[in-house]
C-alpha atoms as a PDB file:
ATOM      1  CA  MET A   1       1.894 -13.819  -9.533  1.00  0.00           C
ATOM      2  CA  PRO A   2       4.144 -12.812 -12.412  1.00  0.00           C
ATOM      3  CA  ARG A   3       3.582  -9.365 -13.890  1.00  0.00           C
ATOM      4  CA  MET A   4       1.636  -9.512 -17.165  1.00  0.00           C
ATOM      5  CA  GLY A   5       2.659  -6.716 -19.532  1.00  0.00           C
ATOM      6  CA  PRO A   6       3.477  -3.057 -18.931  1.00  0.00           C
ATOM      7  CA  ASN A   7       0.048  -2.025 -17.595  1.00  0.00           C
ATOM      8  CA  SER A   8      -1.307  -3.002 -14.231  1.00  0.00           C
ATOM      9  CA  VAL A   9      -4.071  -2.258 -11.763  1.00  0.00           C
ATOM     10  CA  TRP A  10      -3.033  -0.812  -8.402  1.00  0.00           C
ATOM     11  CA  ASN A  11      -5.211  -2.497  -5.802  1.00  0.00           C
ATOM     12  CA  THR A  12      -5.358  -0.900  -2.361  1.00  0.00           C
ATOM     13  CA  VAL A  13      -6.124  -2.860   0.788  1.00  0.00           C
ATOM     14  CA  SER A  14      -7.274  -1.597   4.160  1.00  0.00           C
ATOM     15  CA  VAL A  15      -4.914  -2.329   7.080  1.00  0.00           C
ATOM     16  CA  GLU A  16      -5.225  -1.938  10.849  1.00  0.00           C
ATOM     17  CA  ASP A  17      -1.750  -0.389  11.232  1.00  0.00           C
ATOM     18  CA  ILE A  18      -0.080   1.112   8.170  1.00  0.00           C
ATOM     19  CA  ASP A  19       3.371   1.347   9.768  1.00  0.00           C
ATOM     20  CA  ASP A  20       3.247  -2.326  10.747  1.00  0.00           C
ATOM     21  CA  ALA A  21       2.059  -3.301   7.252  1.00  0.00           C
ATOM     22  CA  VAL A  22       4.884  -1.368   5.568  1.00  0.00           C
ATOM     23  CA  ASN A  23       7.458  -2.910   7.929  1.00  0.00           C
ATOM     24  CA  LYS A  24       6.199  -6.426   7.128  1.00  0.00           C
ATOM     25  CA  ILE A  25       6.317  -5.700   3.394  1.00  0.00           C
ATOM     26  CA  GLU A  26       9.927  -4.512   3.631  1.00  0.00           C
ATOM     27  CA  LYS A  27      10.936  -7.505   5.782  1.00  0.00           C
ATOM     28  CA  THR A  28       9.607  -9.898   3.122  1.00  0.00           C
ATOM     29  CA  GLU A  29      11.616  -8.323   0.263  1.00  0.00           C
ATOM     30  CA  GLY A  30       8.916  -5.925  -0.914  1.00  0.00           C
ATOM     31  CA  ARG A  31       9.695  -2.241  -1.124  1.00  0.00           C
ATOM     32  CA  VAL A  32       7.968   1.089  -0.643  1.00  0.00           C
ATOM     33  CA  VAL A  33       7.608   3.081  -3.867  1.00  0.00           C
ATOM     34  CA  VAL A  34       5.506   5.955  -2.430  1.00  0.00           C
ATOM     35  CA  PRO A  35       6.046   6.555   1.307  1.00  0.00           C
ATOM     36  CA  LYS A  36       3.149   6.903   3.722  1.00  0.00           C
ATOM     37  CA  ARG A  37       1.255  10.131   3.252  1.00  0.00           C
ATOM     38  CA  GLU A  38      -1.911  11.588   4.668  1.00  0.00           C
ATOM     39  CA  ILE A  39      -5.092  11.918   2.664  1.00  0.00           C
ATOM     40  CA  PRO A  40      -6.784  14.801   4.518  1.00  0.00           C
ATOM     41  CA  LYS A  41      -9.895  13.737   6.449  1.00  0.00           C
ATOM     42  CA  GLN A  42      -9.602  10.172   5.070  1.00  0.00           C
ATOM     43  CA  GLY A  43      -6.486   8.433   6.403  1.00  0.00           C
ATOM     44  CA  TRP A  44      -2.990   7.401   5.358  1.00  0.00           C
ATOM     45  CA  ILE A  45      -1.791   5.541   2.277  1.00  0.00           C
ATOM     46  CA  ALA A  46       1.476   4.066   1.007  1.00  0.00           C
ATOM     47  CA  TYR A  47       2.248   2.285  -2.249  1.00  0.00           C
ATOM     48  CA  CYS A  48       4.526  -0.725  -2.311  1.00  0.00           C
ATOM     49  CA  MET A  49       5.949  -3.200  -4.827  1.00  0.00           C
ATOM     50  CA  ASP A  50       6.052  -6.956  -4.389  1.00  0.00           C
ATOM     51  CA  THR A  51       8.902  -9.211  -5.500  1.00  0.00           C
ATOM     52  CA  GLU A  52       7.269  -9.674  -8.938  1.00  0.00           C
ATOM     53  CA  GLY A  53       7.117  -5.925  -9.660  1.00  0.00           C
ATOM     54  CA  ASN A  54       3.395  -5.463  -8.915  1.00  0.00           C
ATOM     55  CA  VAL A  55       2.480  -2.178  -7.226  1.00  0.00           C
ATOM     56  CA  PHE A  56      -0.247  -2.121  -4.562  1.00  0.00           C
ATOM     57  CA  GLY A  57      -1.459   0.246  -1.878  1.00  0.00           C
ATOM     58  CA  VAL A  58      -2.053  -0.145   1.840  1.00  0.00           C
ATOM     59  CA  MET A  59      -4.387   2.297   3.570  1.00  0.00           C
ATOM     60  CA  LYS A  60      -5.414   3.052   7.140  1.00  0.00           C
ATOM     61  CA  SER A  61      -8.647   5.029   7.336  1.00  0.00           C
ATOM     62  CA  MET A  62      -9.228   7.674   9.989  1.00  0.00           C
ATOM     63  CA  PRO A  63     -12.017   6.876  12.422  1.00  0.00           C
ATOM     64  CA  GLY A  64     -15.304   8.091  10.930  1.00  0.00           C
ATOM     65  CA  ALA A  65     -13.857   8.688   7.449  1.00  0.00           C
ATOM     66  CA  MET A  66     -16.320   8.197   4.592  1.00  0.00           C
ATOM     67  CA  MET A  67     -14.788   5.655   2.228  1.00  0.00           C
END
């Protein structure tokens, strides 16, 4: 959906494979704005931007992580 104003909410979705998710985002004209990084004892997260300029996160939790 079109971006509405300068402020936005950054939703984060859980994914099975963060590398696969990031690759799919880039293949469909999205882009990574914060590369994958580890959140100690929790998992991995990356922030991306869609073609409308909306930023969102994708996260893969570590097995047994408390979310």
